[in-house]
Amino acid sequence: MAENKTKATVVPVSEYLAAIESEQRRTDVEALIDVMQRVTGEPPVMWGSSIVGFGSYRYECGKNKWAESCIVG
């Protein structure tokens, strides 16, 4: 079975936000991150290069094979 391409990274979410050219879009994303963090109680984490995820869970994807994904993202 193939390995997940989308994984949690150590890239700061602030770096992702800084790359958003549109000021309005960046403001909207910051507001959404604030809401999601309050609702989930989890800090934002970059999953891959473009998913801001909150929380994580492990799931079985085959016999003795496990993967991880963000709960919300």
N, C-alpha and C. Protein backbone atom coordinates (compact mmCIF):
# COMPACT_ATOMS: atom_id res chain seq x y z
N MET A 1 0.85 -1.18 0.00
CA MET A 1 0.00 0.00 0.00
C MET A 1 0.89 1.24 0.00
N ALA A 2 0.51 2.24 -0.75
CA ALA A 2 1.29 3.47 -0.85
C ALA A 2 1.21 4.26 0.45
N GLU A 3 2.24 5.03 0.69
CA GLU A 3 2.31 5.87 1.89
C GLU A 3 1.56 7.18 1.63
N ASN A 4 0.93 7.73 2.68
CA ASN A 4 0.23 9.00 2.54
C ASN A 4 1.19 10.09 2.09
N LYS A 5 0.77 10.89 1.13
CA LYS A 5 1.57 12.02 0.67
C LYS A 5 1.40 13.21 1.60
N THR A 6 0.23 13.35 2.17
CA THR A 6 -0.06 14.50 3.04
C THR A 6 0.22 14.12 4.48
N LYS A 7 1.24 14.77 5.04
CA LYS A 7 1.65 14.49 6.42
C LYS A 7 1.84 15.81 7.14
N ALA A 8 1.78 15.75 8.47
CA ALA A 8 2.08 16.93 9.27
C ALA A 8 3.52 17.34 9.01
N THR A 9 3.75 18.64 8.93
CA THR A 9 5.09 19.16 8.69
C THR A 9 5.50 20.06 9.85
N VAL A 10 6.74 20.52 9.81
CA VAL A 10 7.22 21.47 10.82
C VAL A 10 7.19 22.90 10.28
N VAL A 11 6.67 23.07 9.08
CA VAL A 11 6.56 24.40 8.48
C VAL A 11 5.57 25.22 9.30
N PRO A 12 5.97 26.41 9.76
CA PRO A 12 5.04 27.23 10.54
C PRO A 12 3.84 27.69 9.70
N VAL A 13 2.68 27.69 10.30
CA VAL A 13 1.48 28.17 9.62
C VAL A 13 1.68 29.63 9.22
N SER A 14 2.40 30.39 10.02
CA SER A 14 2.66 31.80 9.71
C SER A 14 3.39 31.95 8.37
N GLU A 15 4.24 31.00 8.03
CA GLU A 15 4.95 31.03 6.75
C GLU A 15 3.96 30.83 5.59
N TYR A 16 3.02 29.93 5.77
CA TYR A 16 1.98 29.70 4.77
C TYR A 16 1.13 30.97 4.60
N LEU A 17 0.76 31.58 5.72
CA LEU A 17 -0.06 32.79 5.67
C LEU A 17 0.68 33.93 4.97
N ALA A 18 1.96 34.07 5.25
CA ALA A 18 2.75 35.15 4.65
C ALA A 18 2.82 35.03 3.13
N ALA A 19 2.67 33.83 2.61
CA ALA A 19 2.74 33.61 1.17
C ALA A 19 1.43 33.93 0.44
N ILE A 20 0.36 34.18 1.18
CA ILE A 20 -0.93 34.52 0.56
C ILE A 20 -0.87 35.97 0.11
N GLU A 21 -0.95 36.21 -1.18
CA GLU A 21 -0.78 37.55 -1.73
C GLU A 21 -1.95 38.48 -1.41
N SER A 22 -3.16 37.98 -1.51
CA SER A 22 -4.34 38.81 -1.29
C SER A 22 -4.51 39.10 0.19
N GLU A 23 -4.50 40.38 0.54
CA GLU A 23 -4.66 40.76 1.94
C GLU A 23 -6.02 40.31 2.49
N GLN A 24 -7.06 40.44 1.68
CA GLN A 24 -8.40 40.03 2.12
C GLN A 24 -8.45 38.52 2.36
N ARG A 25 -7.87 37.76 1.45
CA ARG A 25 -7.87 36.30 1.61
C ARG A 25 -7.07 35.90 2.86
N ARG A 26 -5.91 36.55 3.06
CA ARG A 26 -5.09 36.26 4.23
C ARG A 26 -5.85 36.57 5.52
N THR A 27 -6.55 37.69 5.55
CA THR A 27 -7.36 38.07 6.71
C THR A 27 -8.45 37.04 6.95
N ASP A 28 -9.10 36.59 5.89
CA ASP A 28 -10.15 35.57 6.01
C ASP A 28 -9.59 34.26 6.55
N VAL A 29 -8.43 33.85 6.04
CA VAL A 29 -7.82 32.59 6.49
C VAL A 29 -7.42 32.70 7.96
N GLU A 30 -6.86 33.84 8.36
CA GLU A 30 -6.49 34.04 9.77
C GLU A 30 -7.71 33.95 10.67
N ALA A 31 -8.83 34.54 10.24
CA ALA A 31 -10.06 34.47 11.04
C ALA A 31 -10.57 33.04 11.13
N LEU A 32 -10.52 32.31 10.03
CA LEU A 32 -10.96 30.92 10.02
C LEU A 32 -10.08 30.06 10.92
N ILE A 33 -8.77 30.28 10.87
CA ILE A 33 -7.85 29.54 11.74
C ILE A 33 -8.18 29.81 13.20
N ASP A 34 -8.46 31.06 13.54
CA ASP A 34 -8.82 31.41 14.92
C ASP A 34 -10.07 30.67 15.36
N VAL A 35 -11.09 30.66 14.52
CA VAL A 35 -12.34 29.96 14.85
C VAL A 35 -12.09 28.46 15.01
N MET A 36 -11.39 27.86 14.06
CA MET A 36 -11.13 26.42 14.10
C MET A 36 -10.32 26.03 15.33
N GLN A 37 -9.36 26.87 15.70
CA GLN A 37 -8.55 26.57 16.88
C GLN A 37 -9.41 26.62 18.15
N ARG A 38 -10.31 27.61 18.23
CA ARG A 38 -11.18 27.70 19.41
C ARG A 38 -12.16 26.53 19.46
N VAL A 39 -12.70 26.14 18.33
CA VAL A 39 -13.68 25.06 18.29
C VAL A 39 -13.04 23.70 18.59
N THR A 40 -11.88 23.44 18.00
CA THR A 40 -11.25 22.13 18.18
C THR A 40 -10.38 22.04 19.43
N GLY A 41 -9.92 23.18 19.92
CA GLY A 41 -8.99 23.17 21.05
C GLY A 41 -7.60 22.69 20.66
N GLU A 42 -7.34 22.62 19.37
CA GLU A 42 -6.05 22.14 18.85
C GLU A 42 -5.33 23.26 18.11
N PRO A 43 -4.00 23.27 18.17
CA PRO A 43 -3.25 24.28 17.42
C PRO A 43 -3.24 23.96 15.93
N PRO A 44 -3.09 24.98 15.08
CA PRO A 44 -3.00 24.74 13.64
C PRO A 44 -1.65 24.14 13.28
N VAL A 45 -1.66 23.18 12.38
CA VAL A 45 -0.43 22.52 11.91
C VAL A 45 -0.55 22.38 10.40
N MET A 46 0.54 22.64 9.69
CA MET A 46 0.55 22.44 8.24
C MET A 46 0.61 20.96 7.93
N TRP A 47 -0.29 20.51 7.07
CA TRP A 47 -0.30 19.14 6.56
C TRP A 47 -0.02 19.26 5.08
N GLY A 48 1.16 18.81 4.67
CA GLY A 48 1.57 19.02 3.30
C GLY A 48 1.87 20.50 3.10
N SER A 49 1.73 20.97 1.88
CA SER A 49 2.08 22.36 1.59
C SER A 49 0.90 23.32 1.63
N SER A 50 -0.33 22.80 1.75
CA SER A 50 -1.46 23.73 1.62
C SER A 50 -2.66 23.42 2.51
N ILE A 51 -2.53 22.50 3.45
CA ILE A 51 -3.65 22.18 4.34
C ILE A 51 -3.29 22.60 5.75
N VAL A 52 -4.12 23.45 6.34
CA VAL A 52 -3.96 23.80 7.75
C VAL A 52 -4.89 22.87 8.51
N GLY A 53 -4.31 21.99 9.29
CA GLY A 53 -5.09 20.98 10.00
C GLY A 53 -5.10 21.22 11.50
N PHE A 54 -6.10 20.62 12.15
CA PHE A 54 -6.27 20.76 13.60
C PHE A 54 -6.50 19.37 14.18
N GLY A 55 -5.62 18.97 15.09
CA GLY A 55 -5.72 17.64 15.68
C GLY A 55 -5.27 16.58 14.70
N SER A 56 -5.12 15.36 15.19
CA SER A 56 -4.74 14.25 14.32
C SER A 56 -5.31 12.95 14.87
N TYR A 57 -5.41 11.98 14.00
CA TYR A 57 -5.86 10.66 14.41
C TYR A 57 -5.15 9.62 13.56
N ARG A 58 -5.00 8.43 14.13
CA ARG A 58 -4.41 7.31 13.41
C ARG A 58 -5.52 6.37 12.99
N TYR A 59 -5.37 5.80 11.81
CA TYR A 59 -6.36 4.84 11.34
C TYR A 59 -5.65 3.67 10.66
N GLU A 60 -6.30 2.53 10.73
CA GLU A 60 -5.74 1.34 10.11
C GLU A 60 -6.12 1.33 8.63
N CYS A 61 -5.13 1.16 7.79
CA CYS A 61 -5.39 1.18 6.35
C CYS A 61 -4.94 -0.12 5.68
N GLY A 62 -4.82 -1.13 6.46
CA GLY A 62 -4.42 -2.44 5.96
C GLY A 62 -3.94 -3.28 7.12
N LYS A 63 -3.68 -4.50 6.86
CA LYS A 63 -3.24 -5.40 7.93
C LYS A 63 -1.93 -4.88 8.52
N ASN A 64 -2.01 -4.47 9.78
CA ASN A 64 -0.85 -3.94 10.51
C ASN A 64 -0.24 -2.71 9.85
N LYS A 65 -1.02 -1.97 9.10
CA LYS A 65 -0.54 -0.73 8.49
C LYS A 65 -1.40 0.42 9.00
N TRP A 66 -0.74 1.45 9.46
CA TRP A 66 -1.43 2.59 10.04
C TRP A 66 -1.01 3.86 9.33
N ALA A 67 -1.92 4.82 9.30
CA ALA A 67 -1.63 6.13 8.73
C ALA A 67 -2.18 7.18 9.69
N GLU A 68 -1.81 8.42 9.45
CA GLU A 68 -2.26 9.52 10.30
C GLU A 68 -2.81 10.63 9.42
N SER A 69 -3.83 11.30 9.92
CA SER A 69 -4.43 12.41 9.20
C SER A 69 -4.89 13.46 10.20
N CYS A 70 -5.14 14.66 9.70
CA CYS A 70 -5.70 15.69 10.58
C CYS A 70 -7.19 15.39 10.78
N ILE A 71 -7.70 15.75 11.95
CA ILE A 71 -9.11 15.54 12.23
C ILE A 71 -9.95 16.52 11.41
N VAL A 72 -9.52 17.77 11.40
CA VAL A 72 -10.20 18.82 10.64
C VAL A 72 -9.13 19.57 9.86
N GLY A 73 -9.42 19.86 8.60
CA GLY A 73 -8.43 20.61 7.82
C GLY A 73 -9.00 21.06 6.51
